[in-house]
Amino acid sequence: MQAWIGGLVAFTPLDDGPALGARSRQTVQQGGRTFDVESEIVELIPGERLAARATASAFTTLLTYALEPIPAGTRVQATIETELQGLAGRLLGGIAGAAAERKLAADLDRLARLLAA
């Protein structure tokens, strides 16, 4: 995961997985800040779909990846929903959501390049 997820400094599985309910702890650097994040797999259909909820002190994010076989390989469709807590949520609103979407797009682009190599 550290090879394709930008800003991921550390990833520590807390449970065996990947499996429904499996948790992990991550340290993420983004926008000049460092966040400790705990995530949980909330949906898992092997080869088809994965959703994980990531929670930090300032935000909760739901990341969903849907896989679709296509003649050239596999299409990955990803969505991200971010809910900011506290003052940061009121001040940053849509700006943070747009930044999260750009980061997700960059991460998926990095993953595609790694897989192509």
PDB file of N, CA and C in Angstrom:
ATOM      1  N   MET A   1       0.822  -1.196   0.000  1.00  0.00           N
ATOM      2  CA  MET A   1       0.000   0.000   0.000  1.00  0.00           C
ATOM      3  C   MET A   1       0.862   1.254   0.000  1.00  0.00           C
ATOM      4  N   GLN A   2       2.019   1.199   0.661  1.00  0.00           N
ATOM      5  CA  GLN A   2       2.861   2.382   0.704  1.00  0.00           C
ATOM      6  C   GLN A   2       3.431   2.734  -0.662  1.00  0.00           C
ATOM      7  N   ALA A   3       3.465   1.778  -1.581  1.00  0.00           N
ATOM      8  CA  ALA A   3       3.982   2.048  -2.919  1.00  0.00           C
ATOM      9  C   ALA A   3       3.013   2.873  -3.759  1.00  0.00           C
ATOM     10  N   TRP A   4       1.734   2.839  -3.448  1.00  0.00           N
ATOM     11  CA  TRP A   4       0.784   3.547  -4.305  1.00  0.00           C
ATOM     12  C   TRP A   4      -0.101   4.549  -3.583  1.00  0.00           C
ATOM     13  N   ILE A   5      -0.154   4.546  -2.275  1.00  0.00           N
ATOM     14  CA  ILE A   5      -0.976   5.519  -1.554  1.00  0.00           C
ATOM     15  C   ILE A   5      -0.069   6.651  -1.082  1.00  0.00           C
ATOM     16  N   GLY A   6      -0.238   7.813  -1.691  1.00  0.00           N
ATOM     17  CA  GLY A   6       0.584   8.964  -1.373  1.00  0.00           C
ATOM     18  C   GLY A   6       0.421   9.398   0.074  1.00  0.00           C
ATOM     19  N   GLY A   7       1.539   9.695   0.716  1.00  0.00           N
ATOM     20  CA  GLY A   7       1.515  10.182   2.081  1.00  0.00           C
ATOM     21  C   GLY A   7       1.384   9.116   3.144  1.00  0.00           C
ATOM     22  N   LEU A   8       1.256   7.848   2.739  1.00  0.00           N
ATOM     23  CA  LEU A   8       1.137   6.768   3.720  1.00  0.00           C
ATOM     24  C   LEU A   8       2.522   6.469   4.283  1.00  0.00           C
ATOM     25  N   VAL A   9       2.719   6.808   5.552  1.00  0.00           N
ATOM     26  CA  VAL A   9       4.015   6.653   6.205  1.00  0.00           C
ATOM     27  C   VAL A   9       4.140   5.272   6.835  1.00  0.00           C
ATOM     28  N   ALA A  10       3.059   4.805   7.450  1.00  0.00           N
ATOM     29  CA  ALA A  10       3.090   3.499   8.126  1.00  0.00           C
ATOM     30  C   ALA A  10       1.723   2.838   8.012  1.00  0.00           C
ATOM     31  N   PHE A  11       1.731   1.510   7.888  1.00  0.00           N
ATOM     32  CA  PHE A  11       0.504   0.719   7.813  1.00  0.00           C
ATOM     33  C   PHE A  11       0.686  -0.498   8.710  1.00  0.00           C
ATOM     34  N   THR A  12      -0.182  -0.635   9.702  1.00  0.00           N
ATOM     35  CA  THR A  12      -0.086  -1.747  10.647  1.00  0.00           C
ATOM     36  C   THR A  12      -1.420  -2.482  10.713  1.00  0.00           C
ATOM     37  N   PRO A  13      -1.494  -3.729  10.223  1.00  0.00           N
ATOM     38  CA  PRO A  13      -2.730  -4.502  10.370  1.00  0.00           C
ATOM     39  C   PRO A  13      -2.985  -4.798  11.850  1.00  0.00           C
ATOM     40  N   LEU A  14      -4.228  -4.683  12.268  1.00  0.00           N
ATOM     41  CA  LEU A  14      -4.612  -5.009  13.639  1.00  0.00           C
ATOM     42  C   LEU A  14      -5.314  -6.357  13.714  1.00  0.00           C
ATOM     43  N   ASP A  15      -5.780  -6.851  12.585  1.00  0.00           N
ATOM     44  CA  ASP A  15      -6.479  -8.133  12.486  1.00  0.00           C
ATOM     45  C   ASP A  15      -5.962  -8.867  11.264  1.00  0.00           C
ATOM     46  N   ASP A  16      -6.265 -10.179  11.190  1.00  0.00           N
ATOM     47  CA  ASP A  16      -5.950 -10.920   9.977  1.00  0.00           C
ATOM     48  C   ASP A  16      -6.850 -10.404   8.868  1.00  0.00           C
ATOM     49  N   GLY A  17      -6.346 -10.364   7.684  1.00  0.00           N
ATOM     50  CA  GLY A  17      -7.178  -9.866   6.598  1.00  0.00           C
ATOM     51  C   GLY A  17      -6.452  -9.994   5.279  1.00  0.00           C
ATOM     52  N   PRO A  18      -7.037  -9.508   4.238  1.00  0.00           N
ATOM     53  CA  PRO A  18      -8.259  -8.709   4.270  1.00  0.00           C
ATOM     54  C   PRO A  18      -9.486  -9.576   4.541  1.00  0.00           C
ATOM     55  N   ALA A  19     -10.339  -9.071   5.403  1.00  0.00           N
ATOM     56  CA  ALA A  19     -11.588  -9.746   5.746  1.00  0.00           C
ATOM     57  C   ALA A  19     -12.561  -8.699   6.264  1.00  0.00           C
ATOM     58  N   LEU A  20     -13.821  -8.995   6.165  1.00  0.00           N
ATOM     59  CA  LEU A  20     -14.830  -8.087   6.682  1.00  0.00           C
ATOM     60  C   LEU A  20     -14.561  -7.838   8.160  1.00  0.00           C
ATOM     61  N   GLY A  21     -14.517  -6.576   8.543  1.00  0.00           N
ATOM     62  CA  GLY A  21     -14.262  -6.204   9.926  1.00  0.00           C
ATOM     63  C   GLY A  21     -12.789  -6.051  10.274  1.00  0.00           C
ATOM     64  N   ALA A  22     -11.890  -6.445   9.360  1.00  0.00           N
ATOM     65  CA  ALA A  22     -10.458  -6.317   9.639  1.00  0.00           C
ATOM     66  C   ALA A  22     -10.090  -4.840   9.784  1.00  0.00           C
ATOM     67  N   ARG A  23      -9.262  -4.568  10.791  1.00  0.00           N
ATOM     68  CA  ARG A  23      -8.871  -3.191  11.084  1.00  0.00           C
ATOM     69  C   ARG A  23      -7.378  -3.010  10.862  1.00  0.00           C
ATOM     70  N   SER A  24      -7.007  -1.758  10.644  1.00  0.00           N
ATOM     71  CA  SER A  24      -5.600  -1.410  10.519  1.00  0.00           C
ATOM     72  C   SER A  24      -5.388  -0.009  11.074  1.00  0.00           C
ATOM     73  N   ARG A  25      -4.146   0.289  11.360  1.00  0.00           N
ATOM     74  CA  ARG A  25      -3.773   1.623  11.823  1.00  0.00           C
ATOM     75  C   ARG A  25      -2.761   2.172  10.824  1.00  0.00           C
ATOM     76  N   GLN A  26      -2.951   3.429  10.432  1.00  0.00           N
ATOM     77  CA  GLN A  26      -2.040   4.068   9.488  1.00  0.00           C
ATOM     78  C   GLN A  26      -1.581   5.415  10.031  1.00  0.00           C
ATOM     79  N   THR A  27      -0.412   5.816   9.582  1.00  0.00           N
ATOM     80  CA  THR A  27       0.060   7.176   9.779  1.00  0.00           C
ATOM     81  C   THR A  27       0.144   7.789   8.392  1.00  0.00           C
ATOM     82  N   VAL A  28      -0.524   8.932   8.215  1.00  0.00           N
ATOM     83  CA  VAL A  28      -0.635   9.567   6.910  1.00  0.00           C
ATOM     84  C   VAL A  28      -0.171  11.014   7.016  1.00  0.00           C
ATOM     85  N   GLN A  29       0.632  11.452   6.048  1.00  0.00           N
ATOM     86  CA  GLN A  29       1.023  12.854   5.961  1.00  0.00           C
ATOM     87  C   GLN A  29       0.322  13.458   4.766  1.00  0.00           C
ATOM     88  N   GLN A  30      -0.373  14.569   5.012  1.00  0.00           N
ATOM     89  CA  GLN A  30      -1.076  15.239   3.921  1.00  0.00           C
ATOM     90  C   GLN A  30      -1.228  16.706   4.283  1.00  0.00           C
ATOM     91  N   GLY A  31      -0.955  17.556   3.319  1.00  0.00           N
ATOM     92  CA  GLY A  31      -1.122  18.988   3.531  1.00  0.00           C
ATOM     93  C   GLY A  31      -0.267  19.524   4.676  1.00  0.00           C
ATOM     94  N   GLY A  32       0.920  18.951   4.853  1.00  0.00           N
ATOM     95  CA  GLY A  32       1.801  19.410   5.906  1.00  0.00           C
ATOM     96  C   GLY A  32       1.438  18.937   7.303  1.00  0.00           C
ATOM     97  N   ARG A  33       0.433  18.079   7.403  1.00  0.00           N
ATOM     98  CA  ARG A  33       0.016  17.554   8.700  1.00  0.00           C
ATOM     99  C   ARG A  33       0.158  16.044   8.720  1.00  0.00           C
ATOM    100  N   THR A  34       0.309  15.496   9.922  1.00  0.00           N
ATOM    101  CA  THR A  34       0.382  14.049  10.102  1.00  0.00           C
ATOM    102  C   THR A  34      -0.849  13.600  10.871  1.00  0.00           C
ATOM    103  N   PHE A  35      -1.506  12.567  10.359  1.00  0.00           N
ATOM    104  CA  PHE A  35      -2.722  12.027  10.966  1.00  0.00           C
ATOM    105  C   PHE A  35      -2.512  10.569  11.343  1.00  0.00           C
ATOM    106  N   ASP A  36      -3.002  10.180  12.504  1.00  0.00           N
ATOM    107  CA  ASP A  36      -3.105   8.770  12.853  1.00  0.00           C
ATOM    108  C   ASP A  36      -4.526   8.357  12.511  1.00  0.00           C
ATOM    109  N   VAL A  37      -4.639   7.329  11.705  1.00  0.00           N
ATOM    110  CA  VAL A  37      -5.928   6.905  11.166  1.00  0.00           C
ATOM    111  C   VAL A  37      -6.151   5.442  11.518  1.00  0.00           C
ATOM    112  N   GLU A  38      -7.356   5.105  11.927  1.00  0.00           N
ATOM    113  CA  GLU A  38      -7.727   3.705  12.101  1.00  0.00           C
ATOM    114  C   GLU A  38      -8.792   3.393  11.061  1.00  0.00           C
ATOM    115  N   SER A  39      -8.631   2.273  10.355  1.00  0.00           N
ATOM    116  CA  SER A  39      -9.612   1.915   9.328  1.00  0.00           C
ATOM    117  C   SER A  39     -10.159   0.517   9.581  1.00  0.00           C
ATOM    118  N   GLU A  40     -11.324   0.294   8.988  1.00  0.00           N
ATOM    119  CA  GLU A  40     -11.997  -1.002   9.091  1.00  0.00           C
ATOM    120  C   GLU A  40     -12.629  -1.329   7.752  1.00  0.00           C
ATOM    121  N   ILE A  41     -12.464  -2.579   7.316  1.00  0.00           N
ATOM    122  CA  ILE A  41     -13.120  -3.026   6.091  1.00  0.00           C
ATOM    123  C   ILE A  41     -14.597  -3.243   6.427  1.00  0.00           C
ATOM    124  N   VAL A  42     -15.466  -2.484   5.768  1.00  0.00           N
ATOM    125  CA  VAL A  42     -16.898  -2.554   6.070  1.00  0.00           C
ATOM    126  C   VAL A  42     -17.691  -3.283   4.990  1.00  0.00           C
ATOM    127  N   GLU A  43     -17.045  -3.551   3.852  1.00  0.00           N
ATOM    128  CA  GLU A  43     -17.684  -4.337   2.788  1.00  0.00           C
ATOM    129  C   GLU A  43     -16.580  -5.028   2.007  1.00  0.00           C
ATOM    130  N   LEU A  44     -16.774  -6.299   1.722  1.00  0.00           N
ATOM    131  CA  LEU A  44     -15.769  -7.044   0.973  1.00  0.00           C
ATOM    132  C   LEU A  44     -16.445  -8.133   0.159  1.00  0.00           C
ATOM    133  N   ILE A  45     -16.339  -7.998  -1.154  1.00  0.00           N
ATOM    134  CA  ILE A  45     -16.753  -9.038  -2.093  1.00  0.00           C
ATOM    135  C   ILE A  45     -15.508  -9.315  -2.927  1.00  0.00           C
ATOM    136  N   PRO A  46     -14.768 -10.378  -2.610  1.00  0.00           N
ATOM    137  CA  PRO A  46     -13.487 -10.632  -3.280  1.00  0.00           C
ATOM    138  C   PRO A  46     -13.592 -10.541  -4.803  1.00  0.00           C
ATOM    139  N   GLY A  47     -12.655  -9.796  -5.378  1.00  0.00           N
ATOM    140  CA  GLY A  47     -12.608  -9.635  -6.824  1.00  0.00           C
ATOM    141  C   GLY A  47     -13.636  -8.673  -7.382  1.00  0.00           C
ATOM    142  N   GLU A  48     -14.496  -8.105  -6.519  1.00  0.00           N
ATOM    143  CA  GLU A  48     -15.555  -7.212  -7.005  1.00  0.00           C
ATOM    144  C   GLU A  48     -15.609  -5.871  -6.295  1.00  0.00           C
ATOM    145  N   ARG A  49     -15.522  -5.882  -4.953  1.00  0.00           N
ATOM    146  CA  ARG A  49     -15.792  -4.648  -4.224  1.00  0.00           C
ATOM    147  C   ARG A  49     -15.120  -4.661  -2.856  1.00  0.00           C
ATOM    148  N   LEU A  50     -14.607  -3.489  -2.471  1.00  0.00           N
ATOM    149  CA  LEU A  50     -14.006  -3.300  -1.163  1.00  0.00           C
ATOM    150  C   LEU A  50     -14.378  -1.908  -0.677  1.00  0.00           C
ATOM    151  N   ALA A  51     -14.839  -1.812   0.560  1.00  0.00           N
ATOM    152  CA  ALA A  51     -15.116  -0.506   1.171  1.00  0.00           C
ATOM    153  C   ALA A  51     -14.469  -0.500   2.547  1.00  0.00           C
ATOM    154  N   ALA A  52     -13.826   0.619   2.860  1.00  0.00           N
ATOM    155  CA  ALA A  52     -13.175   0.767   4.159  1.00  0.00           C
ATOM    156  C   ALA A  52     -13.522   2.135   4.736  1.00  0.00           C
ATOM    157  N   ARG A  53     -13.793   2.150   6.023  1.00  0.00           N
ATOM    158  CA  ARG A  53     -14.055   3.396   6.740  1.00  0.00           C
ATOM    159  C   ARG A  53     -12.793   3.750   7.515  1.00  0.00           C
ATOM    160  N   ALA A  54     -12.272   4.949   7.280  1.00  0.00           N
ATOM    161  CA  ALA A  54     -11.078   5.437   7.970  1.00  0.00           C
ATOM    162  C   ALA A  54     -11.484   6.585   8.883  1.00  0.00           C
ATOM    163  N   THR A  55     -11.013   6.513  10.134  1.00  0.00           N
ATOM    164  CA  THR A  55     -11.392   7.514  11.123  1.00  0.00           C
ATOM    165  C   THR A  55     -10.148   8.113  11.757  1.00  0.00           C
ATOM    166  N   ALA A  56     -10.128   9.434  11.823  1.00  0.00           N
ATOM    167  CA  ALA A  56      -9.081  10.178  12.523  1.00  0.00           C
ATOM    168  C   ALA A  56      -9.782  11.203  13.401  1.00  0.00           C
ATOM    169  N   SER A  57      -9.018  11.954  14.162  1.00  0.00           N
ATOM    170  CA  SER A  57      -9.634  12.925  15.062  1.00  0.00           C
ATOM    171  C   SER A  57     -10.385  14.018  14.304  1.00  0.00           C
ATOM    172  N   ALA A  58      -9.938  14.362  13.088  1.00  0.00           N
ATOM    173  CA  ALA A  58     -10.539  15.464  12.352  1.00  0.00           C
ATOM    174  C   ALA A  58     -11.512  15.032  11.253  1.00  0.00           C
ATOM    175  N   PHE A  59     -11.556  13.739  10.920  1.00  0.00           N
ATOM    176  CA  PHE A  59     -12.395  13.317   9.800  1.00  0.00           C
ATOM    177  C   PHE A  59     -12.740  11.841   9.868  1.00  0.00           C
ATOM    178  N   THR A  60     -13.794  11.484   9.114  1.00  0.00           N
ATOM    179  CA  THR A  60     -14.150  10.099   8.828  1.00  0.00           C
ATOM    180  C   THR A  60     -14.321  10.008   7.317  1.00  0.00           C
ATOM    181  N   THR A  61     -13.716   8.994   6.721  1.00  0.00           N
ATOM    182  CA  THR A  61     -13.762   8.826   5.274  1.00  0.00           C
ATOM    183  C   THR A  61     -14.236   7.420   4.949  1.00  0.00           C
ATOM    184  N   LEU A  62     -15.093   7.311   3.945  1.00  0.00           N
ATOM    185  CA  LEU A  62     -15.500   6.013   3.412  1.00  0.00           C
ATOM    186  C   LEU A  62     -14.934   5.914   2.004  1.00  0.00           C
ATOM    187  N   LEU A  63     -14.037   4.954   1.802  1.00  0.00           N
ATOM    188  CA  LEU A  63     -13.436   4.686   0.497  1.00  0.00           C
ATOM    189  C   LEU A  63     -14.044   3.410  -0.058  1.00  0.00           C
ATOM    190  N   THR A  64     -14.514   3.467  -1.286  1.00  0.00           N
ATOM    191  CA  THR A  64     -15.105   2.294  -1.916  1.00  0.00           C
ATOM    192  C   THR A  64     -14.413   2.058  -3.254  1.00  0.00           C
ATOM    193  N   TYR A  65     -13.988   0.817  -3.471  1.00  0.00           N
ATOM    194  CA  TYR A  65     -13.362   0.411  -4.729  1.00  0.00           C
ATOM    195  C   TYR A  65     -14.224  -0.675  -5.357  1.00  0.00           C
ATOM    196  N   ALA A  66     -14.633  -0.462  -6.609  1.00  0.00           N
ATOM    197  CA  ALA A  66     -15.395  -1.465  -7.354  1.00  0.00           C
ATOM    198  C   ALA A  66     -14.534  -1.918  -8.531  1.00  0.00           C
ATOM    199  N   LEU A  67     -14.395  -3.239  -8.693  1.00  0.00           N
ATOM    200  CA  LEU A  67     -13.585  -3.810  -9.762  1.00  0.00           C
ATOM    201  C   LEU A  67     -14.497  -4.386 -10.833  1.00  0.00           C
ATOM    202  N   GLU A  68     -14.162  -4.084 -12.094  1.00  0.00           N
ATOM    203  CA  GLU A  68     -14.965  -4.578 -13.209  1.00  0.00           C
ATOM    204  C   GLU A  68     -14.039  -5.153 -14.272  1.00  0.00           C
ATOM    205  N   PRO A  69     -14.215  -6.446 -14.618  1.00  0.00           N
ATOM    206  CA  PRO A  69     -13.384  -7.015 -15.680  1.00  0.00           C
ATOM    207  C   PRO A  69     -13.700  -6.354 -17.018  1.00  0.00           C
ATOM    208  N   ILE A  70     -12.650  -6.007 -17.755  1.00  0.00           N
ATOM    209  CA  ILE A  70     -12.790  -5.467 -19.108  1.00  0.00           C
ATOM    210  C   ILE A  70     -11.778  -6.200 -19.978  1.00  0.00           C
ATOM    211  N   PRO A  71     -11.929  -6.160 -21.301  1.00  0.00           N
ATOM    212  CA  PRO A  71     -11.007  -6.909 -22.161  1.00  0.00           C
ATOM    213  C   PRO A  71      -9.525  -6.598 -21.912  1.00  0.00           C
ATOM    214  N   ALA A  72      -9.213  -5.359 -21.571  1.00  0.00           N
ATOM    215  CA  ALA A  72      -7.806  -4.982 -21.378  1.00  0.00           C
ATOM    216  C   ALA A  72      -7.295  -5.302 -19.972  1.00  0.00           C
ATOM    217  N   GLY A  73      -8.165  -5.761 -19.084  1.00  0.00           N
ATOM    218  CA  GLY A  73      -7.741  -6.064 -17.714  1.00  0.00           C
ATOM    219  C   GLY A  73      -8.868  -5.847 -16.720  1.00  0.00           C
ATOM    220  N   THR A  74      -8.679  -4.893 -15.819  1.00  0.00           N
ATOM    221  CA  THR A  74      -9.677  -4.598 -14.791  1.00  0.00           C
ATOM    222  C   THR A  74      -9.847  -3.099 -14.655  1.00  0.00           C
ATOM    223  N   ARG A  75     -11.074  -2.657 -14.635  1.00  0.00           N
ATOM    224  CA  ARG A  75     -11.372  -1.241 -14.386  1.00  0.00           C
ATOM    225  C   ARG A  75     -11.638  -1.093 -12.888  1.00  0.00           C
ATOM    226  N   VAL A  76     -10.984  -0.107 -12.281  1.00  0.00           N
ATOM    227  CA  VAL A  76     -11.191   0.198 -10.875  1.00  0.00           C
ATOM    228  C   VAL A  76     -11.950   1.514 -10.795  1.00  0.00           C
ATOM    229  N   GLN A  77     -13.090   1.469 -10.156  1.00  0.00           N
ATOM    230  CA  GLN A  77     -13.878   2.673  -9.939  1.00  0.00           C
ATOM    231  C   GLN A  77     -13.867   2.945  -8.438  1.00  0.00           C
ATOM    232  N   ALA A  78     -13.435   4.129  -8.061  1.00  0.00           N
ATOM    233  CA  ALA A  78     -13.303   4.451  -6.647  1.00  0.00           C
ATOM    234  C   ALA A  78     -14.135   5.677  -6.302  1.00  0.00           C
ATOM    235  N   THR A  79     -14.694   5.651  -5.104  1.00  0.00           N
ATOM    236  CA  THR A  79     -15.406   6.815  -4.586  1.00  0.00           C
ATOM    237  C   THR A  79     -14.900   7.099  -3.182  1.00  0.00           C
ATOM    238  N   ILE A  80     -14.999   8.355  -2.812  1.00  0.00           N
ATOM    239  CA  ILE A  80     -14.582   8.762  -1.476  1.00  0.00           C
ATOM    240  C   ILE A  80     -15.622   9.733  -0.923  1.00  0.00           C
ATOM    241  N   GLU A  81     -15.992   9.482   0.310  1.00  0.00           N
ATOM    242  CA  GLU A  81     -16.918  10.372   1.025  1.00  0.00           C
ATOM    243  C   GLU A  81     -16.215  10.761   2.322  1.00  0.00           C
ATOM    244  N   THR A  82     -16.050  12.063   2.531  1.00  0.00           N
ATOM    245  CA  THR A  82     -15.340  12.536   3.710  1.00  0.00           C
ATOM    246  C   THR A  82     -16.240  13.419   4.543  1.00  0.00           C
ATOM    247  N   GLU A  83     -16.260  13.162   5.834  1.00  0.00           N
ATOM    248  CA  GLU A  83     -17.007  13.984   6.784  1.00  0.00           C
ATOM    249  C   GLU A  83     -15.988  14.560   7.767  1.00  0.00           C
ATOM    250  N   LEU A  84     -15.901  15.883   7.790  1.00  0.00           N
ATOM    251  CA  LEU A  84     -14.961  16.539   8.692  1.00  0.00           C
ATOM    252  C   LEU A  84     -15.653  16.836  10.007  1.00  0.00           C
ATOM    253  N   GLN A  85     -14.911  16.688  11.103  1.00  0.00           N
ATOM    254  CA  GLN A  85     -15.459  16.962  12.420  1.00  0.00           C
ATOM    255  C   GLN A  85     -14.931  18.299  12.944  1.00  0.00           C
ATOM    256  N   GLY A  86     -15.680  18.882  13.830  1.00  0.00           N
ATOM    257  CA  GLY A  86     -15.245  20.061  14.557  1.00  0.00           C
ATOM    258  C   GLY A  86     -15.088  21.299  13.692  1.00  0.00           C
ATOM    259  N   LEU A  87     -14.248  22.195  14.154  1.00  0.00           N
ATOM    260  CA  LEU A  87     -14.025  23.476  13.489  1.00  0.00           C
ATOM    261  C   LEU A  87     -13.494  23.292  12.076  1.00  0.00           C
ATOM    262  N   ALA A  88     -12.610  22.301  11.882  1.00  0.00           N
ATOM    263  CA  ALA A  88     -12.056  22.052  10.545  1.00  0.00           C
ATOM    264  C   ALA A  88     -13.169  21.762   9.546  1.00  0.00           C
ATOM    265  N   GLY A  89     -14.158  21.001   9.950  1.00  0.00           N
ATOM    266  CA  GLY A  89     -15.268  20.677   9.061  1.00  0.00           C
ATOM    267  C   GLY A  89     -16.062  21.902   8.666  1.00  0.00           C
ATOM    268  N   ARG A  90     -16.289  22.776   9.616  1.00  0.00           N
ATOM    269  CA  ARG A  90     -17.053  23.996   9.311  1.00  0.00           C
ATOM    270  C   ARG A  90     -16.253  24.963   8.446  1.00  0.00           C
ATOM    271  N   LEU A  91     -14.946  25.043   8.662  1.00  0.00           N
ATOM    272  CA  LEU A  91     -14.126  25.995   7.925  1.00  0.00           C
ATOM    273  C   LEU A  91     -13.736  25.502   6.540  1.00  0.00           C
ATOM    274  N   LEU A  92     -13.419  24.221   6.422  1.00  0.00           N
ATOM    275  CA  LEU A  92     -12.873  23.711   5.166  1.00  0.00           C
ATOM    276  C   LEU A  92     -13.916  23.141   4.228  1.00  0.00           C
ATOM    277  N   GLY A  93     -14.973  22.567   4.772  1.00  0.00           N
ATOM    278  CA  GLY A  93     -16.082  22.057   3.958  1.00  0.00           C
ATOM    279  C   GLY A  93     -15.657  21.400   2.669  1.00  0.00           C
ATOM    280  N   GLY A  94     -16.127  21.940   1.538  1.00  0.00           N
ATOM    281  CA  GLY A  94     -15.897  21.363   0.220  1.00  0.00           C
ATOM    282  C   GLY A  94     -14.458  21.372  -0.228  1.00  0.00           C
ATOM    283  N   ILE A  95     -13.639  22.267   0.316  1.00  0.00           N
ATOM    284  CA  ILE A  95     -12.223  22.320  -0.077  1.00  0.00           C
ATOM    285  C   ILE A  95     -11.535  21.007   0.272  1.00  0.00           C
ATOM    286  N   ALA A  96     -11.777  20.514   1.475  1.00  0.00           N
ATOM    287  CA  ALA A  96     -11.149  19.263   1.903  1.00  0.00           C
ATOM    288  C   ALA A  96     -11.665  18.094   1.074  1.00  0.00           C
ATOM    289  N   GLY A  97     -12.954  18.087   0.750  1.00  0.00           N
ATOM    290  CA  GLY A  97     -13.518  17.012  -0.069  1.00  0.00           C
ATOM    291  C   GLY A  97     -12.890  16.979  -1.450  1.00  0.00           C
ATOM    292  N   ALA A  98     -12.698  18.154  -2.058  1.00  0.00           N
ATOM    293  CA  ALA A  98     -12.066  18.228  -3.378  1.00  0.00           C
ATOM    294  C   ALA A  98     -10.620  17.762  -3.301  1.00  0.00           C
ATOM    295  N   ALA A  99      -9.917  18.119  -2.230  1.00  0.00           N
ATOM    296  CA  ALA A  99      -8.524  17.675  -2.066  1.00  0.00           C
ATOM    297  C   ALA A  99      -8.463  16.154  -1.916  1.00  0.00           C
ATOM    298  N   ALA A 100      -9.411  15.569  -1.184  1.00  0.00           N
ATOM    299  CA  ALA A 100      -9.453  14.113  -1.009  1.00  0.00           C
ATOM    300  C   ALA A 100      -9.698  13.424  -2.352  1.00  0.00           C
ATOM    301  N   GLU A 101     -10.570  13.992  -3.176  1.00  0.00           N
ATOM    302  CA  GLU A 101     -10.834  13.416  -4.496  1.00  0.00           C
ATOM    303  C   GLU A 101      -9.597  13.483  -5.389  1.00  0.00           C
ATOM    304  N   ARG A 102      -8.862  14.605  -5.341  1.00  0.00           N
ATOM    305  CA  ARG A 102      -7.633  14.722  -6.138  1.00  0.00           C
ATOM    306  C   ARG A 102      -6.588  13.713  -5.666  1.00  0.00           C
ATOM    307  N   LYS A 103      -6.475  13.552  -4.351  1.00  0.00           N
ATOM    308  CA  LYS A 103      -5.510  12.586  -3.808  1.00  0.00           C
ATOM    309  C   LYS A 103      -5.870  11.167  -4.242  1.00  0.00           C
ATOM    310  N   LEU A 104      -7.152  10.812  -4.186  1.00  0.00           N
ATOM    311  CA  LEU A 104      -7.590   9.486  -4.611  1.00  0.00           C
ATOM    312  C   LEU A 104      -7.254   9.254  -6.078  1.00  0.00           C
ATOM    313  N   ALA A 105      -7.512  10.251  -6.922  1.00  0.00           N
ATOM    314  CA  ALA A 105      -7.195  10.120  -8.350  1.00  0.00           C
ATOM    315  C   ALA A 105      -5.693   9.922  -8.556  1.00  0.00           C
ATOM    316  N   ALA A 106      -4.868  10.657  -7.823  1.00  0.00           N
ATOM    317  CA  ALA A 106      -3.410  10.510  -7.936  1.00  0.00           C
ATOM    318  C   ALA A 106      -2.964   9.130  -7.452  1.00  0.00           C
ATOM    319  N   ASP A 107      -3.563   8.653  -6.366  1.00  0.00           N
ATOM    320  CA  ASP A 107      -3.221   7.325  -5.853  1.00  0.00           C
ATOM    321  C   ASP A 107      -3.566   6.239  -6.875  1.00  0.00           C
ATOM    322  N   LEU A 108      -4.736   6.332  -7.489  1.00  0.00           N
ATOM    323  CA  LEU A 108      -5.144   5.327  -8.480  1.00  0.00           C
ATOM    324  C   LEU A 108      -4.257   5.380  -9.719  1.00  0.00           C
ATOM    325  N   ASP A 109      -3.844   6.586 -10.098  1.00  0.00           N
ATOM    326  CA  ASP A 109      -2.927   6.727 -11.233  1.00  0.00           C
ATOM    327  C   ASP A 109      -1.586   6.064 -10.915  1.00  0.00           C
ATOM    328  N   ARG A 110      -1.099   6.259  -9.687  1.00  0.00           N
ATOM    329  CA  ARG A 110       0.159   5.639  -9.255  1.00  0.00           C
ATOM    330  C   ARG A 110       0.026   4.115  -9.264  1.00  0.00           C
ATOM    331  N   LEU A 111      -1.116   3.608  -8.794  1.00  0.00           N
ATOM    332  CA  LEU A 111      -1.360   2.163  -8.795  1.00  0.00           C
ATOM    333  C   LEU A 111      -1.362   1.612 -10.233  1.00  0.00           C
ATOM    334  N   ALA A 112      -2.031   2.315 -11.137  1.00  0.00           N
ATOM    335  CA  ALA A 112      -2.068   1.854 -12.549  1.00  0.00           C
ATOM    336  C   ALA A 112      -0.678   1.802 -13.143  1.00  0.00           C
ATOM    337  N   ARG A 113       0.153   2.807 -12.856  1.00  0.00           N
ATOM    338  CA  ARG A 113       1.527   2.805 -13.380  1.00  0.00           C
ATOM    339  C   ARG A 113       2.338   1.650 -12.793  1.00  0.00           C
ATOM    340  N   LEU A 114       2.174   1.377 -11.508  1.00  0.00           N
ATOM    341  CA  LEU A 114       2.892   0.261 -10.880  1.00  0.00           C
ATOM    342  C   LEU A 114       2.480  -1.077 -11.486  1.00  0.00           C
ATOM    343  N   LEU A 115       1.182  -1.248 -11.716  1.00  0.00           N
ATOM    344  CA  LEU A 115       0.697  -2.504 -12.272  1.00  0.00           C
ATOM    345  C   LEU A 115       1.128  -2.676 -13.722  1.00  0.00           C
ATOM    346  N   ALA A 116       1.210  -1.575 -14.469  1.00  0.00           N
ATOM    347  CA  ALA A 116       1.638  -1.645 -15.862  1.00  0.00           C
ATOM    348  C   ALA A 116       3.115  -1.995 -15.971  1.00  0.00           C
ATOM    349  N   ALA A 117       3.899  -1.600 -14.964  1.00  0.00           N
ATOM    350  CA  ALA A 117       5.343  -1.876 -14.983  1.00  0.00           C
ATOM    351  C   ALA A 117       5.522  -3.326 -14.626  1.00  0.00           C
TER     352      ALA A 117
END
